[in-house]
Amino acid sequence: MVPSRGLNAKGSTPKIKRFIEICAKYDPVNIGCLYPSSAKAKPRGSLRGDSIDELKADVVDRTETIVTFSDMDKVTSVLNDLREADLGVSVVVTGVFDKVFQCCHEAGLTPHTVNMALGIEGKTERLPERKILDVVTMCGHGLVSPYLAEDLIEKVKKGRTTPEEAAKKLGINCVCGAFNPARAAELIKEMAALAQGRA
């Protein structure tokens, strides 16, 4: 949920808090709050150990809130509740187009805007391998290090940590809340098993 400066940001605090409450009912895998530069609060998130009450406590007008789910039915339920609440603030749903459209359709909503990524340009040979990119690009701000991901995959391979613990360590670095620790754990487990097979 992203209030728009000059349009509906003023007085949006109770709406943002209500958005968090609605989403929290459906067990999201991650919630993050980014505050405007005028706010004194640091970024907060559920992977950082912040409770729903703590997340709501620092909300001010223009707080951007990102909530991540691993289940389409839960996304549909959230969209249903948001449609009924009619908060009047823009909600962006990100994911695979077919699944996003299905969730919106089941919730009785029609997306009014669609954006898509057209690929990666530039010196792509300098990028980490594709599976590492699948993990680190879950954070929209590029704060999840591929080097940390590689180190944690190695630790999972050696049995020094679990895929779930590794995913949480990576996700703590994501300030926005877009990082999906459940999906990351699956990918880390897969990469660790592949690395073991090559050893």
C-alpha atoms as a PDB file:
ATOM      1  CA  MET A   1       0.000   0.000   0.000  1.00  0.00           C
ATOM      2  CA  VAL A   2       1.478   3.292  -1.132  1.00  0.00           C
ATOM      3  CA  PRO A   3      -0.187   6.638  -0.309  1.00  0.00           C
ATOM      4  CA  SER A   4       0.414   9.308  -2.971  1.00  0.00           C
ATOM      5  CA  ARG A   5       1.955  12.600  -1.889  1.00  0.00           C
ATOM      6  CA  GLY A   6      -0.382  15.462  -2.752  1.00  0.00           C
ATOM      7  CA  LEU A   7      -3.328  13.146  -3.440  1.00  0.00           C
ATOM      8  CA  ASN A   8      -4.233  10.906  -0.502  1.00  0.00           C
ATOM      9  CA  ALA A   9      -1.176  10.813   1.775  1.00  0.00           C
ATOM     10  CA  LYS A  10      -2.521  13.388   4.243  1.00  0.00           C
ATOM     11  CA  GLY A  11      -4.556  11.566   6.869  1.00  0.00           C
ATOM     12  CA  SER A  12      -3.529   8.120   5.582  1.00  0.00           C
ATOM     13  CA  THR A  13      -2.133   6.857   8.912  1.00  0.00           C
ATOM     14  CA  PRO A  14      -5.332   5.069  10.092  1.00  0.00           C
ATOM     15  CA  LYS A  15      -5.794   3.564   6.619  1.00  0.00           C
ATOM     16  CA  ILE A  16      -2.269   2.160   6.607  1.00  0.00           C
ATOM     17  CA  LYS A  17      -2.774   0.702  10.084  1.00  0.00           C
ATOM     18  CA  ARG A  18      -6.021  -0.906   8.913  1.00  0.00           C
ATOM     19  CA  PHE A  19      -4.196  -2.325   5.884  1.00  0.00           C
ATOM     20  CA  ILE A  20      -1.621  -3.942   8.187  1.00  0.00           C
ATOM     21  CA  GLU A  21      -4.397  -5.383  10.383  1.00  0.00           C
ATOM     22  CA  ILE A  22      -6.211  -6.877   7.380  1.00  0.00           C
ATOM     23  CA  CYS A  23      -3.047  -8.448   5.976  1.00  0.00           C
ATOM     24  CA  ALA A  24      -1.883  -9.759   9.355  1.00  0.00           C
ATOM     25  CA  LYS A  25      -5.078 -11.854   9.668  1.00  0.00           C
ATOM     26  CA  TYR A  26      -3.814 -14.086   6.847  1.00  0.00           C
ATOM     27  CA  ASP A  27      -0.351 -15.012   8.155  1.00  0.00           C
ATOM     28  CA  PRO A  28       1.980 -13.208   5.746  1.00  0.00           C
ATOM     29  CA  VAL A  29       5.548 -14.502   5.476  1.00  0.00           C
ATOM     30  CA  ASN A  30       6.923 -10.948   5.690  1.00  0.00           C
ATOM     31  CA  ILE A  31       5.760  -7.391   6.411  1.00  0.00           C
ATOM     32  CA  GLY A  32       7.924  -4.303   6.004  1.00  0.00           C
ATOM     33  CA  CYS A  33       7.300  -0.605   6.618  1.00  0.00           C
ATOM     34  CA  LEU A  34       9.263   2.190   4.952  1.00  0.00           C
ATOM     35  CA  TYR A  35       8.785   5.644   6.404  1.00  0.00           C
ATOM     36  CA  PRO A  36       9.041   9.017   4.657  1.00  0.00           C
ATOM     37  CA  SER A  37      12.317  10.878   5.168  1.00  0.00           C
ATOM     38  CA  SER A  38      10.551  13.267   7.564  1.00  0.00           C
ATOM     39  CA  ALA A  39       9.817  10.421  10.006  1.00  0.00           C
ATOM     40  CA  LYS A  40      12.347   9.470  12.658  1.00  0.00           C
ATOM     41  CA  ALA A  41      11.464   5.761  12.618  1.00  0.00           C
ATOM     42  CA  LYS A  42      13.934   3.280  11.141  1.00  0.00           C
ATOM     43  CA  PRO A  43      12.620   0.646   8.717  1.00  0.00           C
ATOM     44  CA  ARG A  44      10.645  -2.048  10.526  1.00  0.00           C
ATOM     45  CA  GLY A  45       9.786  -5.586   9.523  1.00  0.00           C
ATOM     46  CA  SER A  46       8.441  -8.860  10.780  1.00  0.00           C
ATOM     47  CA  LEU A  47      11.678 -10.682   9.826  1.00  0.00           C
ATOM     48  CA  ARG A  48      13.516  -8.198  12.046  1.00  0.00           C
ATOM     49  CA  GLY A  49      11.353  -9.344  14.951  1.00  0.00           C
ATOM     50  CA  ASP A  50       8.876  -6.455  14.977  1.00  0.00           C
ATOM     51  CA  SER A  51       5.350  -7.374  16.064  1.00  0.00           C
ATOM     52  CA  ILE A  52       2.202  -6.146  14.309  1.00  0.00           C
ATOM     53  CA  ASP A  53       1.656  -3.650  17.145  1.00  0.00           C
ATOM     54  CA  GLU A  54       5.224  -2.348  16.783  1.00  0.00           C
ATOM     55  CA  LEU A  55       4.800  -2.000  13.020  1.00  0.00           C
ATOM     56  CA  LYS A  56       1.574  -0.042  13.478  1.00  0.00           C
ATOM     57  CA  ALA A  57       3.005   2.142  16.271  1.00  0.00           C
ATOM     58  CA  ASP A  58       5.449   3.979  13.980  1.00  0.00           C
ATOM     59  CA  VAL A  59       3.094   4.408  11.009  1.00  0.00           C
ATOM     60  CA  VAL A  60       2.737   7.989   9.821  1.00  0.00           C
ATOM     61  CA  ASP A  61       1.170   9.522   6.713  1.00  0.00           C
ATOM     62  CA  ARG A  62       3.009   8.284   3.587  1.00  0.00           C
ATOM     63  CA  THR A  63       4.378   5.105   5.216  1.00  0.00           C
ATOM     64  CA  GLU A  64       4.842   2.514   2.472  1.00  0.00           C
ATOM     65  CA  THR A  65       3.873  -0.978   3.586  1.00  0.00           C
ATOM     66  CA  ILE A  66       4.776  -4.175   1.754  1.00  0.00           C
ATOM     67  CA  VAL A  67       3.247  -7.499   2.769  1.00  0.00           C
ATOM     68  CA  THR A  68       4.410 -10.801   1.271  1.00  0.00           C
ATOM     69  CA  PHE A  69       2.441 -14.039   1.044  1.00  0.00           C
ATOM     70  CA  SER A  70       3.239 -17.545  -0.193  1.00  0.00           C
ATOM     71  CA  ASP A  71      -0.345 -18.637  -0.763  1.00  0.00           C
ATOM     72  CA  MET A  72      -2.719 -17.422  -3.491  1.00  0.00           C
ATOM     73  CA  ASP A  73      -5.845 -18.117  -1.419  1.00  0.00           C
ATOM     74  CA  LYS A  74      -4.543 -15.776   1.283  1.00  0.00           C
ATOM     75  CA  VAL A  75      -3.849 -13.059  -1.293  1.00  0.00           C
ATOM     76  CA  THR A  76      -7.400 -13.443  -2.608  1.00  0.00           C
ATOM     77  CA  SER A  77      -8.780 -13.194   0.941  1.00  0.00           C
ATOM     78  CA  VAL A  78      -6.754 -10.035   1.592  1.00  0.00           C
ATOM     79  CA  LEU A  79      -7.998  -8.487  -1.659  1.00  0.00           C
ATOM     80  CA  ASN A  80     -11.591  -9.366  -0.733  1.00  0.00           C
ATOM     81  CA  ASP A  81     -11.197  -7.678   2.658  1.00  0.00           C
ATOM     82  CA  LEU A  82      -9.505  -4.632   1.118  1.00  0.00           C
ATOM     83  CA  ARG A  83     -12.273  -4.271  -1.463  1.00  0.00           C
ATOM     84  CA  GLU A  84     -14.835  -4.268   1.350  1.00  0.00           C
ATOM     85  CA  ALA A  85     -12.774  -1.860   3.484  1.00  0.00           C
ATOM     86  CA  ASP A  86     -12.428   0.557   0.509  1.00  0.00           C
ATOM     87  CA  LEU A  87      -9.560   2.464   2.119  1.00  0.00           C
ATOM     88  CA  GLY A  88      -8.982   4.744  -0.872  1.00  0.00           C
ATOM     89  CA  VAL A  89      -5.225   4.167  -1.066  1.00  0.00           C
ATOM     90  CA  SER A  90      -3.402   2.464  -3.930  1.00  0.00           C
ATOM     91  CA  VAL A  91      -2.614  -1.227  -3.471  1.00  0.00           C
ATOM     92  CA  VAL A  92      -0.051  -2.852  -5.758  1.00  0.00           C
ATOM     93  CA  VAL A  93      -0.137  -6.631  -6.228  1.00  0.00           C
ATOM     94  CA  THR A  94       3.089  -8.107  -7.572  1.00  0.00           C
ATOM     95  CA  GLY A  95       3.636 -11.614  -8.878  1.00  0.00           C
ATOM     96  CA  VAL A  96       3.222 -13.881 -11.869  1.00  0.00           C
ATOM     97  CA  PHE A  97       0.602 -12.214 -14.092  1.00  0.00           C
ATOM     98  CA  ASP A  98      -1.719 -15.218 -14.422  1.00  0.00           C
ATOM     99  CA  LYS A  99      -1.797 -15.732 -10.662  1.00  0.00           C
ATOM    100  CA  VAL A 100      -2.251 -12.039  -9.885  1.00  0.00           C
ATOM    101  CA  PHE A 101      -5.117 -11.777 -12.364  1.00  0.00           C
ATOM    102  CA  GLN A 102      -6.694 -14.925 -10.917  1.00  0.00           C
ATOM    103  CA  CYS A 103      -6.561 -13.521  -7.364  1.00  0.00           C
ATOM    104  CA  CYS A 104      -8.014 -10.193  -8.515  1.00  0.00           C
ATOM    105  CA  HIS A 105     -10.776 -11.919 -10.511  1.00  0.00           C
ATOM    106  CA  GLU A 106     -11.745 -14.110  -7.543  1.00  0.00           C
ATOM    107  CA  ALA A 107     -11.871 -10.998  -5.346  1.00  0.00           C
ATOM    108  CA  GLY A 108     -14.085  -9.180  -7.864  1.00  0.00           C
ATOM    109  CA  LEU A 109     -11.381  -6.680  -8.832  1.00  0.00           C
ATOM    110  CA  THR A 110     -10.016  -5.520 -12.180  1.00  0.00           C
ATOM    111  CA  PRO A 111      -6.410  -4.237 -12.245  1.00  0.00           C
ATOM    112  CA  HIS A 112      -6.307  -0.718 -13.704  1.00  0.00           C
ATOM    113  CA  THR A 113      -2.555  -0.685 -14.404  1.00  0.00           C
ATOM    114  CA  VAL A 114      -0.089  -3.384 -15.410  1.00  0.00           C
ATOM    115  CA  ASN A 115       3.710  -3.051 -15.337  1.00  0.00           C
ATOM    116  CA  MET A 116       6.209  -5.634 -16.487  1.00  0.00           C
ATOM    117  CA  ALA A 117       9.957  -6.108 -16.400  1.00  0.00           C
ATOM    118  CA  LEU A 118      11.530  -6.420 -19.844  1.00  0.00           C
ATOM    119  CA  GLY A 119      14.664  -8.262 -18.765  1.00  0.00           C
ATOM    120  CA  ILE A 120      18.163  -7.320 -17.688  1.00  0.00           C
ATOM    121  CA  GLU A 121      20.378  -5.012 -19.738  1.00  0.00           C
ATOM    122  CA  GLY A 122      24.085  -4.257 -19.532  1.00  0.00           C
ATOM    123  CA  LYS A 123      27.040  -6.434 -18.520  1.00  0.00           C
ATOM    124  CA  THR A 124      25.007  -9.472 -17.529  1.00  0.00           C
ATOM    125  CA  GLU A 125      28.167 -11.616 -17.387  1.00  0.00           C
ATOM    126  CA  ARG A 126      29.025  -9.816 -14.139  1.00  0.00           C
ATOM    127  CA  LEU A 127      25.820 -10.962 -12.442  1.00  0.00           C
ATOM    128  CA  PRO A 128      25.666 -13.924 -10.062  1.00  0.00           C
ATOM    129  CA  GLU A 129      24.255 -17.192 -11.388  1.00  0.00           C
ATOM    130  CA  ARG A 130      20.526 -17.269 -12.135  1.00  0.00           C
ATOM    131  CA  LYS A 131      19.438 -19.201  -9.022  1.00  0.00           C
ATOM    132  CA  ILE A 132      21.294 -16.768  -6.741  1.00  0.00           C
ATOM    133  CA  LEU A 133      19.598 -13.884  -8.588  1.00  0.00           C
ATOM    134  CA  ASP A 134      16.227 -15.545  -7.990  1.00  0.00           C
ATOM    135  CA  VAL A 135      16.891 -15.211  -4.245  1.00  0.00           C
ATOM    136  CA  VAL A 136      18.585 -11.818  -3.953  1.00  0.00           C
ATOM    137  CA  THR A 137      16.274  -9.942  -6.338  1.00  0.00           C
ATOM    138  CA  MET A 138      13.300 -10.610  -4.061  1.00  0.00           C
ATOM    139  CA  CYS A 139      14.363  -7.448  -2.240  1.00  0.00           C
ATOM    140  CA  GLY A 140      13.299  -4.488  -4.343  1.00  0.00           C
ATOM    141  CA  HIS A 141      16.143  -2.352  -3.022  1.00  0.00           C
ATOM    142  CA  GLY A 142      19.033  -4.737  -3.794  1.00  0.00           C
ATOM    143  CA  LEU A 143      20.017  -5.102  -0.129  1.00  0.00           C
ATOM    144  CA  VAL A 144      20.342  -8.884  -0.093  1.00  0.00           C
ATOM    145  CA  SER A 145      23.960  -9.754  -0.865  1.00  0.00           C
ATOM    146  CA  PRO A 146      24.720 -12.546  -3.355  1.00  0.00           C
ATOM    147  CA  TYR A 147      27.933 -13.229  -1.419  1.00  0.00           C
ATOM    148  CA  LEU A 148      25.976 -13.795   1.780  1.00  0.00           C
ATOM    149  CA  ALA A 149      23.568 -16.026  -0.154  1.00  0.00           C
ATOM    150  CA  GLU A 150      26.466 -18.125  -1.476  1.00  0.00           C
ATOM    151  CA  ASP A 151      27.986 -18.384   2.019  1.00  0.00           C
ATOM    152  CA  LEU A 152      24.688 -19.480   3.558  1.00  0.00           C
ATOM    153  CA  ILE A 153      24.070 -22.037   0.802  1.00  0.00           C
ATOM    154  CA  GLU A 154      27.489 -23.505   1.590  1.00  0.00           C
ATOM    155  CA  LYS A 155      26.573 -23.668   5.299  1.00  0.00           C
ATOM    156  CA  VAL A 156      23.295 -25.413   4.469  1.00  0.00           C
ATOM    157  CA  LYS A 157      25.209 -27.877   2.281  1.00  0.00           C
ATOM    158  CA  LYS A 158      27.540 -28.665   5.220  1.00  0.00           C
ATOM    159  CA  GLY A 159      24.637 -28.985   7.669  1.00  0.00           C
ATOM    160  CA  ARG A 160      25.705 -25.931   9.704  1.00  0.00           C
ATOM    161  CA  THR A 161      22.353 -24.195   9.280  1.00  0.00           C
ATOM    162  CA  THR A 162      18.916 -24.938   7.839  1.00  0.00           C
ATOM    163  CA  PRO A 163      17.440 -23.473   4.643  1.00  0.00           C
ATOM    164  CA  GLU A 164      14.810 -21.687   6.791  1.00  0.00           C
ATOM    165  CA  GLU A 165      17.441 -20.087   9.065  1.00  0.00           C
ATOM    166  CA  ALA A 166      19.505 -19.075   6.030  1.00  0.00           C
ATOM    167  CA  ALA A 167      16.466 -17.500   4.367  1.00  0.00           C
ATOM    168  CA  LYS A 168      15.665 -15.504   7.506  1.00  0.00           C
ATOM    169  CA  LYS A 169      19.253 -14.213   7.726  1.00  0.00           C
ATOM    170  CA  LEU A 170      19.034 -13.027   4.133  1.00  0.00           C
ATOM    171  CA  GLY A 171      15.574 -11.512   4.607  1.00  0.00           C
ATOM    172  CA  ILE A 172      16.586  -9.416   7.622  1.00  0.00           C
ATOM    173  CA  ASN A 173      18.620  -7.256   5.214  1.00  0.00           C
ATOM    174  CA  CYS A 174      15.536  -6.437   3.119  1.00  0.00           C
ATOM    175  CA  VAL A 175      14.079  -3.193   4.490  1.00  0.00           C
ATOM    176  CA  CYS A 176      10.995  -3.174   2.283  1.00  0.00           C
ATOM    177  CA  GLY A 177       9.388  -6.493   3.246  1.00  0.00           C
ATOM    178  CA  ALA A 178       9.204  -7.859  -0.320  1.00  0.00           C
ATOM    179  CA  PHE A 179      11.617 -10.708   0.448  1.00  0.00           C
ATOM    180  CA  ASN A 180       9.804 -14.053   0.617  1.00  0.00           C
ATOM    181  CA  PRO A 181      11.616 -16.276   3.171  1.00  0.00           C
ATOM    182  CA  ALA A 182       9.459 -19.317   2.370  1.00  0.00           C
ATOM    183  CA  ARG A 183      10.371 -19.175  -1.324  1.00  0.00           C
ATOM    184  CA  ALA A 184      14.010 -18.366  -0.485  1.00  0.00           C
ATOM    185  CA  ALA A 185      14.238 -21.444   1.763  1.00  0.00           C
ATOM    186  CA  GLU A 186      13.002 -23.644  -1.101  1.00  0.00           C
ATOM    187  CA  LEU A 187      15.566 -22.173  -3.501  1.00  0.00           C
ATOM    188  CA  ILE A 188      18.411 -22.435  -0.962  1.00  0.00           C
ATOM    189  CA  LYS A 189      17.556 -26.083  -0.253  1.00  0.00           C
ATOM    190  CA  GLU A 190      17.558 -26.805  -3.986  1.00  0.00           C
ATOM    191  CA  MET A 191      20.915 -25.031  -4.564  1.00  0.00           C
ATOM    192  CA  ALA A 192      22.541 -26.729  -1.559  1.00  0.00           C
ATOM    193  CA  ALA A 193      21.410 -30.148  -2.859  1.00  0.00           C
ATOM    194  CA  LEU A 194      22.804 -29.330  -6.333  1.00  0.00           C
ATOM    195  CA  ALA A 195      26.103 -28.202  -4.816  1.00  0.00           C
ATOM    196  CA  GLN A 196      26.283 -31.431  -2.805  1.00  0.00           C
ATOM    197  CA  GLY A 197      25.670 -33.433  -5.957  1.00  0.00           C
ATOM    198  CA  ARG A 198      28.573 -31.677  -7.706  1.00  0.00           C
ATOM    199  CA  ALA A 199      30.963 -32.212  -4.751  1.00  0.00           C
END
